[in-house]
Amino acid sequence: MVFKKLFGGGEKPQQALDIDDLIVLERYEEAEARLKAKLKLTPNDLHSHVKLAEVYTAVNELAKAVDAYVYASQEYADDGFHEKAIALLAKAAKLAPLDPSLPQRVERLEQKKRLEHTRQAAVEGLNLQRRAVGETRPMSLLDAQQLWLDLAESALVKRLPADQLRRLFGAMMTLRPTAGTVLAERGARQEELYVVVRGTVEAVFARPAGDTVLRTFGGGDVFGESVLFEHRPWPARFRVAERAVLLRLDKGGLEQALLGNSDPRGLIDALREQRHDPAVNAAASKLEGRG
């Protein structure tokens, strides 16, 4: 007894035990009470929610454990900690392997994680992109974020992985032409393509009696792919119908995007996927044939 007093040892006094001590000592009822009292004062303490889930698991109250893990997971996900959220859902899924909602939650979080990774890469590329003629200031982070939001649901962005988007957007130029601006005339050969971010662009067949609109392009649409990749002439007059924000990729930008690219064909195929140019050319040729 004297030895213990001099050198310590033995069980800690009850008041000195923390929650982790109680769990190690398998005093789960006390640990649960302490955790609930703590959460009553600090309900946003996610670490305590996870500890409570562990206690519920130890006493075989699995439904309560799953609920606690799911709650903490959702809160971590809302704060942007997707890896942590997915790990907690994986623990919940082990406790309730027949619950189909848990793998579905994991898949949604995986998608959010991929989207966030893509967003970061896209914004980084936009911040580093080449400046258009007359543009003296680099793009602000706010502008880059807004461009990303405008394009996030487009087929092009959904198809390309994060690294390709960083490369592509970094090699393009942002243009803000006003209504009536002509981007290209039928038969012209300036080798470039455009991605519409906002606004509309019309492909028109120009005639003395008045222009005929062949096709209208909006957010996410790509045109000019046959000009840049196949060295064909522009299939029609392309004119801004209303004030627009466009991304332009010219020959120099394409070379920059492809330099050191591990999948150059994948990038080119994504930009060619919509194939608007052949349809516009067919419509223009038909009108031209009519005289």
C-alpha atoms as a PDB file:
ATOM      1  CA  MET A   1       0.000   0.000   0.000  1.00  0.00           C
ATOM      2  CA  VAL A   2       2.849   2.376   0.911  1.00  0.00           C
ATOM      3  CA  PHE A   3       4.584   1.456  -2.349  1.00  0.00           C
ATOM      4  CA  LYS A   4       1.463   2.424  -4.368  1.00  0.00           C
ATOM      5  CA  LYS A   5       1.185   5.737  -2.537  1.00  0.00           C
ATOM      6  CA  LEU A   6       4.813   6.560  -3.283  1.00  0.00           C
ATOM      7  CA  PHE A   7       4.996   5.434  -6.884  1.00  0.00           C
ATOM      8  CA  GLY A   8       1.370   5.497  -8.034  1.00  0.00           C
ATOM      9  CA  GLY A   9      -0.414   2.566  -9.586  1.00  0.00           C
ATOM     10  CA  GLY A  10      -3.764   0.997  -9.152  1.00  0.00           C
ATOM     11  CA  GLU A  11      -6.972   2.252 -10.757  1.00  0.00           C
ATOM     12  CA  LYS A  12      -7.447   5.980 -11.240  1.00  0.00           C
ATOM     13  CA  PRO A  13      -9.911   7.669  -8.883  1.00  0.00           C
ATOM     14  CA  GLN A  14     -13.349   7.667 -10.485  1.00  0.00           C
ATOM     15  CA  GLN A  15     -13.446  11.438 -10.909  1.00  0.00           C
ATOM     16  CA  ALA A  16     -10.184  11.328 -12.898  1.00  0.00           C
ATOM     17  CA  LEU A  17     -11.431   8.856 -15.477  1.00  0.00           C
ATOM     18  CA  ASP A  18     -12.150  10.340 -18.883  1.00  0.00           C
ATOM     19  CA  ILE A  19     -14.552   8.910 -21.455  1.00  0.00           C
ATOM     20  CA  ASP A  20     -11.852   6.895 -23.212  1.00  0.00           C
ATOM     21  CA  ASP A  21     -10.871   5.373 -19.871  1.00  0.00           C
ATOM     22  CA  LEU A  22     -14.461   4.346 -19.236  1.00  0.00           C
ATOM     23  CA  ILE A  23     -14.677   2.692 -22.648  1.00  0.00           C
ATOM     24  CA  VAL A  24     -11.414   0.808 -22.114  1.00  0.00           C
ATOM     25  CA  LEU A  25     -12.668  -0.372 -18.738  1.00  0.00           C
ATOM     26  CA  GLU A  26     -15.937  -1.427 -20.437  1.00  0.00           C
ATOM     27  CA  ARG A  27     -17.959   0.882 -18.207  1.00  0.00           C
ATOM     28  CA  TYR A  28     -20.191   1.653 -21.148  1.00  0.00           C
ATOM     29  CA  GLU A  29     -23.210   2.886 -19.213  1.00  0.00           C
ATOM     30  CA  GLU A  30     -21.129   5.614 -17.577  1.00  0.00           C
ATOM     31  CA  ALA A  31     -19.442   6.462 -20.888  1.00  0.00           C
ATOM     32  CA  GLU A  32     -22.814   6.783 -22.597  1.00  0.00           C
ATOM     33  CA  ALA A  33     -24.142   9.065 -19.866  1.00  0.00           C
ATOM     34  CA  ARG A  34     -21.042  11.270 -20.011  1.00  0.00           C
ATOM     35  CA  LEU A  35     -21.206  11.495 -23.806  1.00  0.00           C
ATOM     36  CA  LYS A  36     -24.903  12.389 -23.820  1.00  0.00           C
ATOM     37  CA  ALA A  37     -24.327  15.075 -21.202  1.00  0.00           C
ATOM     38  CA  LYS A  38     -21.465  16.468 -23.245  1.00  0.00           C
ATOM     39  CA  LEU A  39     -23.525  16.477 -26.446  1.00  0.00           C
ATOM     40  CA  LYS A  40     -26.358  18.259 -24.671  1.00  0.00           C
ATOM     41  CA  LEU A  41     -23.942  21.144 -24.079  1.00  0.00           C
ATOM     42  CA  THR A  42     -22.065  20.869 -27.412  1.00  0.00           C
ATOM     43  CA  PRO A  43     -24.366  19.117 -29.929  1.00  0.00           C
ATOM     44  CA  ASN A  44     -21.971  19.820 -32.820  1.00  0.00           C
ATOM     45  CA  ASP A  45     -19.137  17.841 -31.230  1.00  0.00           C
ATOM     46  CA  LEU A  46     -18.803  15.205 -33.955  1.00  0.00           C
ATOM     47  CA  HIS A  47     -15.999  13.376 -32.172  1.00  0.00           C
ATOM     48  CA  SER A  48     -18.394  12.685 -29.288  1.00  0.00           C
ATOM     49  CA  HIS A  49     -21.081  11.452 -31.696  1.00  0.00           C
ATOM     50  CA  VAL A  50     -18.570   8.958 -33.097  1.00  0.00           C
ATOM     51  CA  LYS A  51     -17.552   7.871 -29.592  1.00  0.00           C
ATOM     52  CA  LEU A  52     -21.215   7.354 -28.741  1.00  0.00           C
ATOM     53  CA  ALA A  53     -21.579   5.168 -31.837  1.00  0.00           C
ATOM     54  CA  GLU A  54     -18.646   3.085 -30.610  1.00  0.00           C
ATOM     55  CA  VAL A  55     -20.305   2.680 -27.214  1.00  0.00           C
ATOM     56  CA  TYR A  56     -23.591   1.623 -28.825  1.00  0.00           C
ATOM     57  CA  THR A  57     -21.671  -0.898 -30.924  1.00  0.00           C
ATOM     58  CA  ALA A  58     -19.982  -2.349 -27.839  1.00  0.00           C
ATOM     59  CA  VAL A  59     -23.317  -2.901 -26.088  1.00  0.00           C
ATOM     60  CA  ASN A  60     -24.883  -4.295 -29.266  1.00  0.00           C
ATOM     61  CA  GLU A  61     -27.347  -1.447 -29.764  1.00  0.00           C
ATOM     62  CA  LEU A  62     -26.585  -1.517 -33.466  1.00  0.00           C
ATOM     63  CA  ALA A  63     -29.478   0.577 -34.733  1.00  0.00           C
ATOM     64  CA  LYS A  64     -28.459   3.446 -32.457  1.00  0.00           C
ATOM     65  CA  ALA A  65     -24.837   3.022 -33.526  1.00  0.00           C
ATOM     66  CA  VAL A  66     -25.777   3.221 -37.193  1.00  0.00           C
ATOM     67  CA  ASP A  67     -27.838   6.366 -36.593  1.00  0.00           C
ATOM     68  CA  ALA A  68     -24.936   8.022 -34.780  1.00  0.00           C
ATOM     69  CA  TYR A  69     -22.449   7.117 -37.507  1.00  0.00           C
ATOM     70  CA  VAL A  70     -24.795   8.346 -40.246  1.00  0.00           C
ATOM     71  CA  TYR A  71     -25.414  11.636 -38.438  1.00  0.00           C
ATOM     72  CA  ALA A  72     -21.699  12.297 -37.949  1.00  0.00           C
ATOM     73  CA  SER A  73     -21.001  11.297 -41.540  1.00  0.00           C
ATOM     74  CA  GLN A  74     -23.530  13.757 -42.903  1.00  0.00           C
ATOM     75  CA  GLU A  75     -22.124  16.577 -40.792  1.00  0.00           C
ATOM     76  CA  TYR A  76     -18.554  15.833 -41.875  1.00  0.00           C
ATOM     77  CA  ALA A  77     -19.693  15.721 -45.515  1.00  0.00           C
ATOM     78  CA  ASP A  78     -21.434  19.089 -45.175  1.00  0.00           C
ATOM     79  CA  ASP A  79     -18.139  20.522 -43.925  1.00  0.00           C
ATOM     80  CA  GLY A  80     -16.306  19.093 -46.928  1.00  0.00           C
ATOM     81  CA  PHE A  81     -14.554  16.202 -45.150  1.00  0.00           C
ATOM     82  CA  HIS A  82     -15.684  13.526 -47.587  1.00  0.00           C
ATOM     83  CA  GLU A  83     -13.017  10.950 -46.749  1.00  0.00           C
ATOM     84  CA  LYS A  84     -13.957  11.033 -43.056  1.00  0.00           C
ATOM     85  CA  ALA A  85     -17.655  10.849 -43.921  1.00  0.00           C
ATOM     86  CA  ILE A  86     -17.160   7.835 -46.181  1.00  0.00           C
ATOM     87  CA  ALA A  87     -15.104   6.035 -43.527  1.00  0.00           C
ATOM     88  CA  LEU A  88     -17.901   6.469 -40.965  1.00  0.00           C
ATOM     89  CA  LEU A  89     -20.512   5.214 -43.408  1.00  0.00           C
ATOM     90  CA  ALA A  90     -18.348   2.156 -44.026  1.00  0.00           C
ATOM     91  CA  LYS A  91     -18.483   1.398 -40.283  1.00  0.00           C
ATOM     92  CA  ALA A  92     -22.260   1.821 -40.325  1.00  0.00           C
ATOM     93  CA  ALA A  93     -22.551  -0.503 -43.326  1.00  0.00           C
ATOM     94  CA  LYS A  94     -20.672  -3.250 -41.484  1.00  0.00           C
ATOM     95  CA  LEU A  95     -23.205  -3.032 -38.666  1.00  0.00           C
ATOM     96  CA  ALA A  96     -26.194  -3.038 -41.043  1.00  0.00           C
ATOM     97  CA  PRO A  97     -25.112  -4.955 -44.166  1.00  0.00           C
ATOM     98  CA  LEU A  98     -28.707  -5.364 -45.379  1.00  0.00           C
ATOM     99  CA  ASP A  99     -29.495  -1.640 -45.339  1.00  0.00           C
ATOM    100  CA  PRO A 100     -29.422  -0.544 -49.025  1.00  0.00           C
ATOM    101  CA  SER A 101     -29.407   3.151 -48.151  1.00  0.00           C
ATOM    102  CA  LEU A 102     -25.865   3.030 -46.758  1.00  0.00           C
ATOM    103  CA  PRO A 103     -24.054   2.012 -50.001  1.00  0.00           C
ATOM    104  CA  GLN A 104     -26.189   4.604 -51.776  1.00  0.00           C
ATOM    105  CA  ARG A 105     -25.003   7.262 -49.353  1.00  0.00           C
ATOM    106  CA  VAL A 106     -21.405   6.181 -49.933  1.00  0.00           C
ATOM    107  CA  GLU A 107     -21.840   6.449 -53.699  1.00  0.00           C
ATOM    108  CA  ARG A 108     -23.318   9.948 -53.397  1.00  0.00           C
ATOM    109  CA  LEU A 109     -20.393  11.041 -51.245  1.00  0.00           C
ATOM    110  CA  GLU A 110     -17.914   9.515 -53.683  1.00  0.00           C
ATOM    111  CA  GLN A 111     -19.551  11.559 -56.436  1.00  0.00           C
ATOM    112  CA  LYS A 112     -19.369  14.723 -54.328  1.00  0.00           C
ATOM    113  CA  LYS A 113     -15.708  14.037 -53.597  1.00  0.00           C
ATOM    114  CA  ARG A 114     -14.954  13.585 -57.293  1.00  0.00           C
ATOM    115  CA  LEU A 115     -16.903  16.745 -58.127  1.00  0.00           C
ATOM    116  CA  GLU A 116     -14.984  18.753 -55.555  1.00  0.00           C
ATOM    117  CA  HIS A 117     -11.686  17.438 -56.910  1.00  0.00           C
ATOM    118  CA  THR A 118     -12.814  18.375 -60.419  1.00  0.00           C
ATOM    119  CA  ARG A 119     -13.909  21.829 -59.277  1.00  0.00           C
ATOM    120  CA  GLN A 120     -10.550  22.545 -57.676  1.00  0.00           C
ATOM    121  CA  ALA A 121      -8.688  21.459 -60.817  1.00  0.00           C
ATOM    122  CA  ALA A 122     -10.965  23.440 -63.133  1.00  0.00           C
ATOM    123  CA  VAL A 123     -10.701  26.624 -61.065  1.00  0.00           C
ATOM    124  CA  GLU A 124      -6.931  26.223 -60.895  1.00  0.00           C
ATOM    125  CA  GLY A 125      -6.791  25.956 -64.691  1.00  0.00           C
ATOM    126  CA  LEU A 126      -9.032  28.987 -65.163  1.00  0.00           C
ATOM    127  CA  ASN A 127      -6.829  31.031 -62.834  1.00  0.00           C
ATOM    128  CA  LEU A 128      -3.754  30.088 -64.865  1.00  0.00           C
ATOM    129  CA  GLN A 129      -5.276  30.446 -68.318  1.00  0.00           C
ATOM    130  CA  ARG A 130      -3.848  32.540 -71.115  1.00  0.00           C
ATOM    131  CA  ARG A 131      -5.085  36.106 -71.310  1.00  0.00           C
ATOM    132  CA  ALA A 132      -7.005  37.394 -74.290  1.00  0.00           C
ATOM    133  CA  VAL A 133      -5.721  40.370 -76.258  1.00  0.00           C
ATOM    134  CA  GLY A 134      -6.271  43.568 -74.302  1.00  0.00           C
ATOM    135  CA  GLU A 135      -6.795  41.753 -71.003  1.00  0.00           C
ATOM    136  CA  THR A 136      -4.272  42.966 -68.450  1.00  0.00           C
ATOM    137  CA  ARG A 137      -5.497  41.445 -65.206  1.00  0.00           C
ATOM    138  CA  PRO A 138      -5.511  37.756 -64.309  1.00  0.00           C
ATOM    139  CA  MET A 139      -8.881  36.158 -63.696  1.00  0.00           C
ATOM    140  CA  SER A 140     -10.097  36.582 -60.130  1.00  0.00           C
ATOM    141  CA  LEU A 141     -10.955  33.566 -57.997  1.00  0.00           C
ATOM    142  CA  LEU A 142     -14.581  34.739 -57.894  1.00  0.00           C
ATOM    143  CA  ASP A 143     -14.766  34.871 -61.700  1.00  0.00           C
ATOM    144  CA  ALA A 144     -13.177  31.426 -61.978  1.00  0.00           C
ATOM    145  CA  GLN A 145     -15.642  29.997 -59.489  1.00  0.00           C
ATOM    146  CA  GLN A 146     -18.569  31.472 -61.436  1.00  0.00           C
ATOM    147  CA  LEU A 147     -17.299  30.049 -64.733  1.00  0.00           C
ATOM    148  CA  TRP A 148     -17.029  26.660 -63.063  1.00  0.00           C
ATOM    149  CA  LEU A 149     -20.599  26.876 -61.780  1.00  0.00           C
ATOM    150  CA  ASP A 150     -21.830  27.732 -65.267  1.00  0.00           C
ATOM    151  CA  LEU A 151     -20.082  24.710 -66.785  1.00  0.00           C
ATOM    152  CA  ALA A 152     -20.293  22.158 -63.954  1.00  0.00           C
ATOM    153  CA  GLU A 153     -23.294  20.326 -65.442  1.00  0.00           C
ATOM    154  CA  SER A 154     -22.078  20.385 -69.037  1.00  0.00           C
ATOM    155  CA  ALA A 155     -21.298  17.160 -70.893  1.00  0.00           C
ATOM    156  CA  LEU A 156     -17.718  18.282 -71.495  1.00  0.00           C
ATOM    157  CA  VAL A 157     -16.949  18.810 -67.798  1.00  0.00           C
ATOM    158  CA  LYS A 158     -18.665  15.577 -66.762  1.00  0.00           C
ATOM    159  CA  ARG A 159     -16.644  13.568 -69.271  1.00  0.00           C
ATOM    160  CA  LEU A 160     -13.162  14.930 -68.612  1.00  0.00           C
ATOM    161  CA  PRO A 161     -11.157  13.963 -65.497  1.00  0.00           C
ATOM    162  CA  ALA A 162      -9.772  16.666 -63.238  1.00  0.00           C
ATOM    163  CA  ASP A 163      -6.268  16.774 -64.731  1.00  0.00           C
ATOM    164  CA  GLN A 164      -7.625  17.167 -68.258  1.00  0.00           C
ATOM    165  CA  LEU A 165      -9.887  20.028 -67.201  1.00  0.00           C
ATOM    166  CA  ARG A 166      -6.955  21.771 -65.538  1.00  0.00           C
ATOM    167  CA  ARG A 167      -4.945  21.429 -68.732  1.00  0.00           C
ATOM    168  CA  LEU A 168      -7.764  22.452 -71.042  1.00  0.00           C
ATOM    169  CA  PHE A 169      -8.981  25.489 -69.121  1.00  0.00           C
ATOM    170  CA  GLY A 170      -5.429  26.637 -68.527  1.00  0.00           C
ATOM    171  CA  ALA A 171      -4.797  26.592 -72.289  1.00  0.00           C
ATOM    172  CA  MET A 172      -7.936  28.542 -73.246  1.00  0.00           C
ATOM    173  CA  MET A 173      -8.823  32.224 -73.223  1.00  0.00           C
ATOM    174  CA  THR A 174     -11.955  33.772 -71.758  1.00  0.00           C
ATOM    175  CA  LEU A 175     -13.811  36.154 -74.075  1.00  0.00           C
ATOM    176  CA  ARG A 176     -16.817  38.360 -73.291  1.00  0.00           C
ATOM    177  CA  PRO A 177     -18.137  39.470 -76.687  1.00  0.00           C
ATOM    178  CA  THR A 178     -21.201  41.679 -77.001  1.00  0.00           C
ATOM    179  CA  ALA A 179     -24.293  40.905 -79.079  1.00  0.00           C
ATOM    180  CA  GLY A 180     -23.638  41.119 -82.797  1.00  0.00           C
ATOM    181  CA  THR A 181     -19.952  40.171 -82.585  1.00  0.00           C
ATOM    182  CA  VAL A 182     -18.994  37.892 -85.479  1.00  0.00           C
ATOM    183  CA  LEU A 183     -16.646  35.159 -84.347  1.00  0.00           C
ATOM    184  CA  ALA A 184     -16.077  33.574 -87.762  1.00  0.00           C
ATOM    185  CA  GLU A 185     -17.356  33.776 -91.357  1.00  0.00           C
ATOM    186  CA  ARG A 186     -18.259  30.810 -93.512  1.00  0.00           C
ATOM    187  CA  GLY A 187     -15.154  29.672 -95.356  1.00  0.00           C
ATOM    188  CA  ALA A 188     -12.721  31.369 -92.952  1.00  0.00           C
ATOM    189  CA  ARG A 189      -9.816  29.280 -91.711  1.00  0.00           C
ATOM    190  CA  GLN A 190      -8.766  30.651 -88.336  1.00  0.00           C
ATOM    191  CA  GLU A 191      -8.136  27.424 -86.439  1.00  0.00           C
ATOM    192  CA  GLU A 192      -9.919  27.676 -83.100  1.00  0.00           C
ATOM    193  CA  LEU A 193     -12.909  26.272 -81.265  1.00  0.00           C
ATOM    194  CA  TYR A 194     -15.231  27.765 -78.666  1.00  0.00           C
ATOM    195  CA  VAL A 195     -17.032  26.584 -75.563  1.00  0.00           C
ATOM    196  CA  VAL A 196     -20.080  28.622 -74.607  1.00  0.00           C
ATOM    197  CA  VAL A 197     -20.158  29.438 -70.895  1.00  0.00           C
ATOM    198  CA  ARG A 198     -23.040  31.929 -70.856  1.00  0.00           C
ATOM    199  CA  GLY A 199     -25.181  33.649 -73.438  1.00  0.00           C
ATOM    200  CA  THR A 200     -25.988  32.394 -76.941  1.00  0.00           C
ATOM    201  CA  VAL A 201     -24.195  32.137 -80.261  1.00  0.00           C
ATOM    202  CA  GLU A 202     -25.949  31.587 -83.584  1.00  0.00           C
ATOM    203  CA  ALA A 203     -24.674  29.781 -86.644  1.00  0.00           C
ATOM    204  CA  VAL A 204     -26.261  31.656 -89.560  1.00  0.00           C
ATOM    205  CA  PHE A 205     -26.289  31.420 -93.332  1.00  0.00           C
ATOM    206  CA  ALA A 206     -25.733  34.935 -94.589  1.00  0.00           C
ATOM    207  CA  ARG A 207     -27.787  36.098 -97.605  1.00  0.00           C
ATOM    208  CA  PRO A 208     -28.595  39.551 -98.986  1.00  0.00           C
ATOM    209  CA  ALA A 209     -32.258  39.011 -98.204  1.00  0.00           C
ATOM    210  CA  GLY A 210     -31.444  38.260 -94.555  1.00  0.00           C
ATOM    211  CA  ASP A 211     -29.586  35.741 -92.456  1.00  0.00           C
ATOM    212  CA  THR A 212     -31.052  32.305 -91.784  1.00  0.00           C
ATOM    213  CA  VAL A 213     -30.318  30.886 -88.341  1.00  0.00           C
ATOM    214  CA  LEU A 214     -29.085  27.309 -88.705  1.00  0.00           C
ATOM    215  CA  ARG A 215     -28.447  26.491 -85.060  1.00  0.00           C
ATOM    216  CA  THR A 216     -28.244  28.225 -81.682  1.00  0.00           C
ATOM    217  CA  PHE A 217     -25.586  27.352 -79.106  1.00  0.00           C
ATOM    218  CA  GLY A 218     -25.893  27.828 -75.340  1.00  0.00           C
ATOM    219  CA  GLY A 219     -24.028  26.974 -72.150  1.00  0.00           C
ATOM    220  CA  GLY A 220     -21.739  23.945 -72.476  1.00  0.00           C
ATOM    221  CA  ASP A 221     -21.932  23.742 -76.279  1.00  0.00           C
ATOM    222  CA  VAL A 222     -18.720  23.316 -78.276  1.00  0.00           C
ATOM    223  CA  PHE A 223     -18.324  24.474 -81.880  1.00  0.00           C
ATOM    224  CA  GLY A 224     -15.400  24.896 -84.249  1.00  0.00           C
ATOM    225  CA  GLU A 225     -14.041  21.393 -83.594  1.00  0.00           C
ATOM    226  CA  SER A 226     -13.749  20.506 -87.278  1.00  0.00           C
ATOM    227  CA  VAL A 227     -11.862  23.745 -87.943  1.00  0.00           C
ATOM    228  CA  LEU A 228      -9.282  23.169 -85.215  1.00  0.00           C
ATOM    229  CA  PHE A 229      -8.823  19.407 -85.488  1.00  0.00           C
ATOM    230  CA  GLU A 230      -9.531  18.719 -89.167  1.00  0.00           C
ATOM    231  CA  HIS A 231      -8.352  22.046 -90.642  1.00  0.00           C
ATOM    232  CA  ARG A 232     -11.702  22.564 -92.379  1.00  0.00           C
ATOM    233  CA  PRO A 233     -13.138  26.004 -93.151  1.00  0.00           C
ATOM    234  CA  TRP A 234     -15.780  27.473 -90.867  1.00  0.00           C
ATOM    235  CA  PRO A 235     -19.149  26.003 -91.897  1.00  0.00           C
ATOM    236  CA  ALA A 236     -21.201  29.188 -91.376  1.00  0.00           C
ATOM    237  CA  ARG A 237     -21.118  32.666 -89.931  1.00  0.00           C
ATOM    238  CA  PHE A 238     -20.987  32.390 -86.137  1.00  0.00           C
ATOM    239  CA  ARG A 239     -22.439  35.436 -84.444  1.00  0.00           C
ATOM    240  CA  VAL A 240     -23.055  36.292 -80.805  1.00  0.00           C
ATOM    241  CA  ALA A 241     -26.823  36.593 -80.325  1.00  0.00           C
ATOM    242  CA  GLU A 242     -26.670  38.004 -76.807  1.00  0.00           C
ATOM    243  CA  ARG A 243     -23.793  39.079 -74.608  1.00  0.00           C
ATOM    244  CA  ALA A 244     -21.800  35.948 -73.936  1.00  0.00           C
ATOM    245  CA  VAL A 245     -18.900  34.464 -72.042  1.00  0.00           C
ATOM    246  CA  LEU A 246     -16.862  32.079 -74.182  1.00  0.00           C
ATOM    247  CA  LEU A 247     -13.749  29.968 -73.808  1.00  0.00           C
ATOM    248  CA  ARG A 248     -11.587  29.897 -76.931  1.00  0.00           C
ATOM    249  CA  LEU A 249      -8.970  27.285 -77.773  1.00  0.00           C
ATOM    250  CA  ASP A 250      -6.629  28.102 -80.631  1.00  0.00           C
ATOM    251  CA  LYS A 251      -3.785  26.137 -82.188  1.00  0.00           C
ATOM    252  CA  GLY A 252      -1.225  27.355 -79.649  1.00  0.00           C
ATOM    253  CA  GLY A 253      -3.522  26.543 -76.773  1.00  0.00           C
ATOM    254  CA  LEU A 254      -4.165  23.062 -78.149  1.00  0.00           C
ATOM    255  CA  GLU A 255      -0.442  22.374 -78.325  1.00  0.00           C
ATOM    256  CA  GLN A 256      -0.112  23.541 -74.713  1.00  0.00           C
ATOM    257  CA  ALA A 257      -2.957  21.271 -73.567  1.00  0.00           C
ATOM    258  CA  LEU A 258      -1.498  18.243 -75.347  1.00  0.00           C
ATOM    259  CA  LEU A 259       2.125  18.716 -74.292  1.00  0.00           C
ATOM    260  CA  GLY A 260       2.958  15.936 -71.840  1.00  0.00           C
ATOM    261  CA  ASN A 261      -0.682  14.825 -71.771  1.00  0.00           C
ATOM    262  CA  SER A 262      -1.072  11.163 -70.797  1.00  0.00           C
ATOM    263  CA  ASP A 263      -4.312  10.840 -72.801  1.00  0.00           C
ATOM    264  CA  PRO A 264      -4.301  13.351 -75.665  1.00  0.00           C
ATOM    265  CA  ARG A 265      -6.871  11.354 -77.641  1.00  0.00           C
ATOM    266  CA  GLY A 266      -9.272  11.435 -74.715  1.00  0.00           C
ATOM    267  CA  LEU A 267      -9.121  15.225 -74.570  1.00  0.00           C
ATOM    268  CA  ILE A 268      -9.640  15.640 -78.310  1.00  0.00           C
ATOM    269  CA  ASP A 269     -12.500  13.124 -78.391  1.00  0.00           C
ATOM    270  CA  ALA A 270     -14.275  14.975 -75.585  1.00  0.00           C
ATOM    271  CA  LEU A 271     -14.029  18.253 -77.487  1.00  0.00           C
ATOM    272  CA  ARG A 272     -15.266  16.612 -80.695  1.00  0.00           C
ATOM    273  CA  GLU A 273     -18.063  14.619 -79.076  1.00  0.00           C
ATOM    274  CA  GLN A 274     -20.941  17.014 -79.826  1.00  0.00           C
ATOM    275  CA  ARG A 275     -20.024  17.291 -83.551  1.00  0.00           C
ATOM    276  CA  HIS A 276     -22.063  20.404 -84.229  1.00  0.00           C
ATOM    277  CA  ASP A 277     -19.908  21.536 -87.149  1.00  0.00           C
ATOM    278  CA  PRO A 278     -20.953  18.806 -89.628  1.00  0.00           C
ATOM    279  CA  ALA A 279     -24.635  19.447 -88.940  1.00  0.00           C
ATOM    280  CA  VAL A 280     -24.203  23.198 -89.427  1.00  0.00           C
ATOM    281  CA  ASN A 281     -22.214  22.632 -92.611  1.00  0.00           C
ATOM    282  CA  ALA A 282     -24.873  20.285 -94.038  1.00  0.00           C
ATOM    283  CA  ALA A 283     -27.621  22.832 -93.365  1.00  0.00           C
ATOM    284  CA  ALA A 284     -25.594  25.675 -94.879  1.00  0.00           C
ATOM    285  CA  SER A 285     -24.671  23.615 -97.931  1.00  0.00           C
ATOM    286  CA  LYS A 286     -28.320  22.771 -98.485  1.00  0.00           C
ATOM    287  CA  LEU A 287     -29.300  26.444 -98.492  1.00  0.00           C
ATOM    288  CA  GLU A 288     -26.336  27.294-100.689  1.00  0.00           C
ATOM    289  CA  GLY A 289     -27.444  24.655-103.182  1.00  0.00           C
ATOM    290  CA  ARG A 290     -30.834  26.313-103.420  1.00  0.00           C
ATOM    291  CA  GLY A 291     -29.143  29.425-104.675  1.00  0.00           C
END
